[in-house]
C-alpha cells in the first residue's frame, strides 16, 4: 500500500478540505497522514480515513508526529520526543536541511528520531540529498513525502509499505518503525507547480487584505 506522510489542509496553510484531499488521494491509490501545522482539527473530519498527525513547529524547526490517535503534542522538542515515546507515536524531522522552510538542520544529530524525511517534493535537491546522506549515517529509515498544500501535488512523492495489506494504524506505524518501506520519488508536475504558485499568491493577497 502507498502512503504520503506529510499533507496539509485548510486547517493550517493548505487550500483544500480534508475530505477533498482524501478523495483525490484515493483516486491515486495513496493513503495520507494529515499533518497540519500545530493542529489536528482537520483529522476529526476524516477520522479513520487518515493517519493522525501534526507538523509541529519546535524551537529548532519542523518535526512531524504520527499517532494512532488524534494527537495534541507539545512544541518543545524535548517534550515532543517524550510525548511520542510515551504514546507510541512516530516522529521525524520534515525537510530537515531546507533552510527556507524551518528545517531543524544539524539539530538532527542531537535528538532521537524514528526516521527522516529524505525527499520532500518542495525542497531543493541539495537539501534532499543531504537528508538522505544523514539518514544513512544515522541508520534511520528514510521517507519521501509530497508536503502537499494543494491536491495537485499529491502523488509527487510517497512510500510503498510493501507488507501492509489493509489500512490499520498500528500495523502502519509498526512497519514504519521497522523501516519496511520503499520511498518513491516522482517530483512535482508542471500542473502541480502552477497550482502551488497560484495558491501562494492567493494566500499572500488574503493575508494582505486581512492586514489592511
C-alpha atoms as a PDB file:
ATOM      1  CA  UNK A   1       0.000   0.000   0.000  1.00  0.00           C
ATOM      2  CA  UNK A   2       1.115   3.549  -0.771  1.00  0.00           C
ATOM      3  CA  UNK A   3       1.339   6.326   1.836  1.00  0.00           C
ATOM      4  CA  UNK A   4       2.179  10.027   1.902  1.00  0.00           C
ATOM      5  CA  UNK A   5       3.065  11.062   5.451  1.00  0.00           C
ATOM      6  CA  UNK A   6       3.131  14.853   5.003  1.00  0.00           C
ATOM      7  CA  UNK A   7      -0.002  16.622   3.734  1.00  0.00           C
ATOM      8  CA  UNK A   8      -1.689  19.922   4.701  1.00  0.00           C
ATOM      9  CA  UNK A   9      -5.317  21.062   4.591  1.00  0.00           C
ATOM     10  CA  UNK A  10      -7.054  24.415   5.002  1.00  0.00           C
ATOM     11  CA  UNK A  11      -6.931  23.852   8.749  1.00  0.00           C
ATOM     12  CA  UNK A  12      -3.409  25.260   8.502  1.00  0.00           C
ATOM     13  CA  UNK A  13      -1.936  26.637   5.263  1.00  0.00           C
ATOM     14  CA  UNK A  14      -3.324  24.171   2.730  1.00  0.00           C
ATOM     15  CA  UNK A  15      -6.023  25.032   0.196  1.00  0.00           C
ATOM     16  CA  UNK A  16      -8.447  22.109   0.408  1.00  0.00           C
ATOM     17  CA  UNK A  17     -10.786  20.457   2.877  1.00  0.00           C
ATOM     18  CA  UNK A  18      -9.509  17.196   4.396  1.00  0.00           C
ATOM     19  CA  UNK A  19     -12.298  15.175   2.748  1.00  0.00           C
ATOM     20  CA  UNK A  20     -11.398  16.562  -0.692  1.00  0.00           C
ATOM     21  CA  UNK A  21      -7.741  15.684  -0.143  1.00  0.00           C
ATOM     22  CA  UNK A  22      -8.603  12.141   0.929  1.00  0.00           C
ATOM     23  CA  UNK A  23     -10.882  11.618  -2.072  1.00  0.00           C
ATOM     24  CA  UNK A  24      -8.263  12.917  -4.501  1.00  0.00           C
ATOM     25  CA  UNK A  25      -5.531  10.758  -2.972  1.00  0.00           C
ATOM     26  CA  UNK A  26      -7.740   7.657  -3.110  1.00  0.00           C
ATOM     27  CA  UNK A  27      -8.018   8.061  -6.870  1.00  0.00           C
ATOM     28  CA  UNK A  28      -4.237   7.695  -6.966  1.00  0.00           C
ATOM     29  CA  UNK A  29      -4.361   4.711  -4.593  1.00  0.00           C
ATOM     30  CA  UNK A  30      -2.482   6.715  -1.963  1.00  0.00           C
ATOM     31  CA  UNK A  31      -3.356   6.998   1.734  1.00  0.00           C
ATOM     32  CA  UNK A  32      -2.265  10.101   3.609  1.00  0.00           C
ATOM     33  CA  UNK A  33      -1.230  11.370   7.001  1.00  0.00           C
ATOM     34  CA  UNK A  34      -2.890  14.709   7.680  1.00  0.00           C
ATOM     35  CA  UNK A  35      -0.131  16.831   9.203  1.00  0.00           C
ATOM     36  CA  UNK A  36      -1.363  20.387   9.502  1.00  0.00           C
ATOM     37  CA  UNK A  37       0.848  22.911  11.253  1.00  0.00           C
ATOM     38  CA  UNK A  38       0.358  22.724  15.026  1.00  0.00           C
ATOM     39  CA  UNK A  39      -3.226  21.463  14.837  1.00  0.00           C
ATOM     40  CA  UNK A  40      -5.064  18.177  14.410  1.00  0.00           C
ATOM     41  CA  UNK A  41      -8.525  19.696  14.000  1.00  0.00           C
ATOM     42  CA  UNK A  42      -8.795  18.572  10.392  1.00  0.00           C
ATOM     43  CA  UNK A  43      -8.273  14.940  11.323  1.00  0.00           C
ATOM     44  CA  UNK A  44     -11.669  14.916  13.012  1.00  0.00           C
ATOM     45  CA  UNK A  45     -13.328  15.486   9.623  1.00  0.00           C
ATOM     46  CA  UNK A  46     -11.778  12.349   8.116  1.00  0.00           C
ATOM     47  CA  UNK A  47     -11.312  10.160  11.159  1.00  0.00           C
ATOM     48  CA  UNK A  48     -10.441   6.526  10.343  1.00  0.00           C
ATOM     49  CA  UNK A  49      -9.508   7.554   6.786  1.00  0.00           C
ATOM     50  CA  UNK A  50      -6.127   9.164   7.515  1.00  0.00           C
ATOM     51  CA  UNK A  51      -3.120   8.720   9.753  1.00  0.00           C
ATOM     52  CA  UNK A  52      -3.497  11.337  12.516  1.00  0.00           C
ATOM     53  CA  UNK A  53      -0.582  13.710  12.794  1.00  0.00           C
ATOM     54  CA  UNK A  54       0.816  17.212  13.004  1.00  0.00           C
ATOM     55  CA  UNK A  55       3.759  19.150  11.685  1.00  0.00           C
ATOM     56  CA  UNK A  56       4.933  20.646  14.952  1.00  0.00           C
ATOM     57  CA  UNK A  57       6.803  23.945  14.985  1.00  0.00           C
ATOM     58  CA  UNK A  58       9.509  23.345  17.582  1.00  0.00           C
ATOM     59  CA  UNK A  59      12.059  25.865  18.753  1.00  0.00           C
ATOM     60  CA  UNK A  60      14.508  24.454  16.165  1.00  0.00           C
ATOM     61  CA  UNK A  61      12.184  23.813  13.245  1.00  0.00           C
ATOM     62  CA  UNK A  62       9.522  21.477  11.920  1.00  0.00           C
ATOM     63  CA  UNK A  63       9.046  17.930  13.192  1.00  0.00           C
ATOM     64  CA  UNK A  64       6.210  15.614  12.170  1.00  0.00           C
ATOM     65  CA  UNK A  65       4.439  13.342  14.632  1.00  0.00           C
ATOM     66  CA  UNK A  66       2.202  10.433  13.582  1.00  0.00           C
ATOM     67  CA  UNK A  67      -0.011   8.588  16.046  1.00  0.00           C
ATOM     68  CA  UNK A  68      -2.800   6.014  16.176  1.00  0.00           C
ATOM     69  CA  UNK A  69      -4.993   8.663  17.812  1.00  0.00           C
ATOM     70  CA  UNK A  70      -5.576  12.392  17.308  1.00  0.00           C
ATOM     71  CA  UNK A  71      -2.516  13.957  18.956  1.00  0.00           C
ATOM     72  CA  UNK A  72      -2.137  17.158  20.970  1.00  0.00           C
ATOM     73  CA  UNK A  73       1.652  17.328  21.196  1.00  0.00           C
ATOM     74  CA  UNK A  74       3.826  19.938  22.931  1.00  0.00           C
ATOM     75  CA  UNK A  75       6.040  22.122  20.751  1.00  0.00           C
ATOM     76  CA  UNK A  76       9.232  21.969  22.816  1.00  0.00           C
ATOM     77  CA  UNK A  77      11.374  19.366  21.120  1.00  0.00           C
ATOM     78  CA  UNK A  78      12.411  17.520  24.301  1.00  0.00           C
ATOM     79  CA  UNK A  79       8.808  17.308  25.432  1.00  0.00           C
ATOM     80  CA  UNK A  80       7.672  16.322  21.936  1.00  0.00           C
ATOM     81  CA  UNK A  81      10.083  13.383  21.862  1.00  0.00           C
ATOM     82  CA  UNK A  82       8.918  12.247  25.303  1.00  0.00           C
ATOM     83  CA  UNK A  83       5.275  12.604  24.227  1.00  0.00           C
ATOM     84  CA  UNK A  84       5.902  10.462  21.152  1.00  0.00           C
ATOM     85  CA  UNK A  85       7.688   7.778  23.153  1.00  0.00           C
ATOM     86  CA  UNK A  86       5.055   7.682  25.892  1.00  0.00           C
ATOM     87  CA  UNK A  87       2.213   7.383  23.366  1.00  0.00           C
ATOM     88  CA  UNK A  88       3.833   5.012  20.838  1.00  0.00           C
ATOM     89  CA  UNK A  89       3.870   7.712  18.151  1.00  0.00           C
ATOM     90  CA  UNK A  90       6.450   8.223  15.426  1.00  0.00           C
ATOM     91  CA  UNK A  91       8.414  11.434  14.925  1.00  0.00           C
ATOM     92  CA  UNK A  92      10.646  12.594  12.119  1.00  0.00           C
ATOM     93  CA  UNK A  93      12.122  15.921  11.007  1.00  0.00           C
ATOM     94  CA  UNK A  94      10.472  17.288   7.876  1.00  0.00           C
ATOM     95  CA  UNK A  95      12.678  18.828   5.150  1.00  0.00           C
ATOM     96  CA  UNK A  96      15.471  18.987   7.788  1.00  0.00           C
ATOM     97  CA  UNK A  97      18.032  20.777   5.626  1.00  0.00           C
ATOM     98  CA  UNK A  98      15.706  23.180   3.819  1.00  0.00           C
ATOM     99  CA  UNK A  99      16.883  26.485   5.267  1.00  0.00           C
ATOM    100  CA  UNK A 100      13.947  28.378   3.735  1.00  0.00           C
ATOM    101  CA  UNK A 101      11.213  26.312   5.422  1.00  0.00           C
ATOM    102  CA  UNK A 102      12.276  25.828   9.035  1.00  0.00           C
ATOM    103  CA  UNK A 103      14.271  22.634   8.764  1.00  0.00           C
ATOM    104  CA  UNK A 104      15.985  21.669  12.015  1.00  0.00           C
ATOM    105  CA  UNK A 105      19.380  21.358  10.342  1.00  0.00           C
ATOM    106  CA  UNK A 106      22.196  19.839  12.358  1.00  0.00           C
ATOM    107  CA  UNK A 107      19.966  19.584  15.429  1.00  0.00           C
ATOM    108  CA  UNK A 108      19.001  16.313  13.794  1.00  0.00           C
ATOM    109  CA  UNK A 109      22.130  14.798  15.361  1.00  0.00           C
ATOM    110  CA  UNK A 110      21.169  15.839  18.895  1.00  0.00           C
ATOM    111  CA  UNK A 111      17.826  14.073  19.206  1.00  0.00           C
ATOM    112  CA  UNK A 112      16.470  10.586  18.731  1.00  0.00           C
ATOM    113  CA  UNK A 113      14.095  10.363  15.775  1.00  0.00           C
ATOM    114  CA  UNK A 114      12.385   7.317  14.297  1.00  0.00           C
ATOM    115  CA  UNK A 115      13.075   8.205  10.678  1.00  0.00           C
ATOM    116  CA  UNK A 116      13.995  11.129   8.427  1.00  0.00           C
ATOM    117  CA  UNK A 117      12.206  12.780   5.535  1.00  0.00           C
ATOM    118  CA  UNK A 118      14.840  12.207   2.863  1.00  0.00           C
ATOM    119  CA  UNK A 119      12.763  13.511  -0.017  1.00  0.00           C
ATOM    120  CA  UNK A 120      10.336  16.420   0.126  1.00  0.00           C
ATOM    121  CA  UNK A 121       8.872  17.345  -3.244  1.00  0.00           C
ATOM    122  CA  UNK A 122       9.128  21.063  -2.453  1.00  0.00           C
ATOM    123  CA  UNK A 123      12.653  21.047  -1.006  1.00  0.00           C
ATOM    124  CA  UNK A 124      15.813  21.838  -3.014  1.00  0.00           C
ATOM    125  CA  UNK A 125      17.694  18.849  -4.420  1.00  0.00           C
ATOM    126  CA  UNK A 126      20.695  19.676  -2.259  1.00  0.00           C
ATOM    127  CA  UNK A 127      18.570  19.599   0.911  1.00  0.00           C
ATOM    128  CA  UNK A 128      17.053  16.236  -0.004  1.00  0.00           C
ATOM    129  CA  UNK A 129      20.461  14.826  -0.865  1.00  0.00           C
ATOM    130  CA  UNK A 130      21.888  15.845   2.493  1.00  0.00           C
ATOM    131  CA  UNK A 131      18.872  14.413   4.345  1.00  0.00           C
ATOM    132  CA  UNK A 132      19.385  11.082   2.586  1.00  0.00           C
ATOM    133  CA  UNK A 133      23.076  11.057   3.481  1.00  0.00           C
ATOM    134  CA  UNK A 134      22.294  11.761   7.136  1.00  0.00           C
ATOM    135  CA  UNK A 135      19.643   9.032   7.258  1.00  0.00           C
ATOM    136  CA  UNK A 136      22.240   6.568   6.022  1.00  0.00           C
ATOM    137  CA  UNK A 137      24.798   7.852   8.526  1.00  0.00           C
ATOM    138  CA  UNK A 138      22.347   7.540  11.416  1.00  0.00           C
ATOM    139  CA  UNK A 139      20.979   4.230  10.134  1.00  0.00           C
ATOM    140  CA  UNK A 140      17.412   5.551  10.125  1.00  0.00           C
ATOM    141  CA  UNK A 141      14.616   4.782   7.642  1.00  0.00           C
ATOM    142  CA  UNK A 142      14.039   7.464   5.020  1.00  0.00           C
ATOM    143  CA  UNK A 143      10.611   8.580   3.837  1.00  0.00           C
ATOM    144  CA  UNK A 144       9.521  10.507   0.749  1.00  0.00           C
ATOM    145  CA  UNK A 145       6.580  12.897   1.028  1.00  0.00           C
ATOM    146  CA  UNK A 146       4.784  15.456  -1.102  1.00  0.00           C
ATOM    147  CA  UNK A 147       4.339  18.145   1.577  1.00  0.00           C
ATOM    148  CA  UNK A 148       1.209  18.911  -0.415  1.00  0.00           C
ATOM    149  CA  UNK A 149      -0.646  22.159   0.238  1.00  0.00           C
ATOM    150  CA  UNK A 150      -2.687  21.704  -2.947  1.00  0.00           C
ATOM    151  CA  UNK A 151      -4.145  18.401  -4.109  1.00  0.00           C
ATOM    152  CA  UNK A 152      -2.270  18.575  -7.417  1.00  0.00           C
ATOM    153  CA  UNK A 153       0.975  17.901  -5.520  1.00  0.00           C
ATOM    154  CA  UNK A 154      -0.250  14.568  -4.158  1.00  0.00           C
ATOM    155  CA  UNK A 155       1.496  11.744  -5.964  1.00  0.00           C
ATOM    156  CA  UNK A 156       4.767  13.657  -6.334  1.00  0.00           C
ATOM    157  CA  UNK A 157       6.298  11.525  -3.559  1.00  0.00           C
ATOM    158  CA  UNK A 158       5.047   8.658  -1.428  1.00  0.00           C
ATOM    159  CA  UNK A 159       6.099   5.402   0.198  1.00  0.00           C
ATOM    160  CA  UNK A 160       5.397   1.760  -0.539  1.00  0.00           C
ATOM    161  CA  UNK A 161       4.741  -0.083   2.730  1.00  0.00           C
ATOM    162  CA  UNK A 162       5.021  -3.418   0.980  1.00  0.00           C
ATOM    163  CA  UNK A 163       3.946  -5.576   3.921  1.00  0.00           C
ATOM    164  CA  UNK A 164       0.834  -3.556   4.799  1.00  0.00           C
ATOM    165  CA  UNK A 165      -2.277  -5.080   3.235  1.00  0.00           C
ATOM    166  CA  UNK A 166      -5.023  -3.036   4.910  1.00  0.00           C
ATOM    167  CA  UNK A 167      -5.441   0.381   6.496  1.00  0.00           C
ATOM    168  CA  UNK A 168      -4.633  -0.383  10.114  1.00  0.00           C
ATOM    169  CA  UNK A 169      -2.904   2.364  12.091  1.00  0.00           C
ATOM    170  CA  UNK A 170      -0.970   0.086  14.435  1.00  0.00           C
ATOM    171  CA  UNK A 171       0.266  -2.015  11.516  1.00  0.00           C
ATOM    172  CA  UNK A 172       1.278   1.076   9.531  1.00  0.00           C
ATOM    173  CA  UNK A 173       3.227   2.635  12.409  1.00  0.00           C
ATOM    174  CA  UNK A 174       4.876  -0.684  13.244  1.00  0.00           C
ATOM    175  CA  UNK A 175       6.115  -1.110   9.678  1.00  0.00           C
ATOM    176  CA  UNK A 176       7.454   2.430   9.703  1.00  0.00           C
ATOM    177  CA  UNK A 177       9.392   1.783  12.902  1.00  0.00           C
ATOM    178  CA  UNK A 178      10.895  -1.342  11.344  1.00  0.00           C
ATOM    179  CA  UNK A 179      11.823   0.525   8.174  1.00  0.00           C
ATOM    180  CA  UNK A 180       9.750  -1.750   5.988  1.00  0.00           C
ATOM    181  CA  UNK A 181       9.115   0.779   3.254  1.00  0.00           C
ATOM    182  CA  UNK A 182      10.373   1.915  -0.108  1.00  0.00           C
ATOM    183  CA  UNK A 183      10.420   5.685  -0.800  1.00  0.00           C
ATOM    184  CA  UNK A 184       9.111   6.615  -4.238  1.00  0.00           C
ATOM    185  CA  UNK A 185      10.179   9.970  -5.680  1.00  0.00           C
ATOM    186  CA  UNK A 186       8.347  11.292  -8.717  1.00  0.00           C
ATOM    187  CA  UNK A 187       8.706  15.052  -8.488  1.00  0.00           C
ATOM    188  CA  UNK A 188       6.222  17.852  -8.982  1.00  0.00           C
ATOM    189  CA  UNK A 189       4.419  18.045 -12.307  1.00  0.00           C
ATOM    190  CA  UNK A 190       4.090  21.344 -14.159  1.00  0.00           C
ATOM    191  CA  UNK A 191       0.414  21.446 -13.160  1.00  0.00           C
ATOM    192  CA  UNK A 192       1.341  20.958  -9.511  1.00  0.00           C
ATOM    193  CA  UNK A 193       3.969  23.707  -9.640  1.00  0.00           C
ATOM    194  CA  UNK A 194       1.466  26.077 -11.225  1.00  0.00           C
ATOM    195  CA  UNK A 195      -1.165  25.265  -8.588  1.00  0.00           C
ATOM    196  CA  UNK A 196       1.377  25.814  -5.812  1.00  0.00           C
ATOM    197  CA  UNK A 197       2.326  29.211  -7.252  1.00  0.00           C
ATOM    198  CA  UNK A 198      -1.324  30.226  -7.609  1.00  0.00           C
ATOM    199  CA  UNK A 199      -2.093  29.197  -4.027  1.00  0.00           C
ATOM    200  CA  UNK A 200       0.938  31.102  -2.746  1.00  0.00           C
ATOM    201  CA  UNK A 201      -0.321  34.293  -4.451  1.00  0.00           C
ATOM    202  CA  UNK A 202      -3.893  33.728  -3.194  1.00  0.00           C
ATOM    203  CA  UNK A 203      -2.679  33.345   0.381  1.00  0.00           C
ATOM    204  CA  UNK A 204      -0.467  36.441   0.202  1.00  0.00           C
ATOM    205  CA  UNK A 205      -3.339  38.521  -1.169  1.00  0.00           C
ATOM    206  CA  UNK A 206      -5.692  37.219   1.515  1.00  0.00           C
ATOM    207  CA  UNK A 207      -3.183  37.986   4.257  1.00  0.00           C
ATOM    208  CA  UNK A 208      -2.672  41.467   2.836  1.00  0.00           C
ATOM    209  CA  UNK A 209      -6.445  42.122   2.733  1.00  0.00           C
ATOM    210  CA  UNK A 210      -6.870  40.884   6.299  1.00  0.00           C
ATOM    211  CA  UNK A 211      -3.983  43.043   7.489  1.00  0.00           C
ATOM    212  CA  UNK A 212      -5.430  46.149   5.863  1.00  0.00           C
END
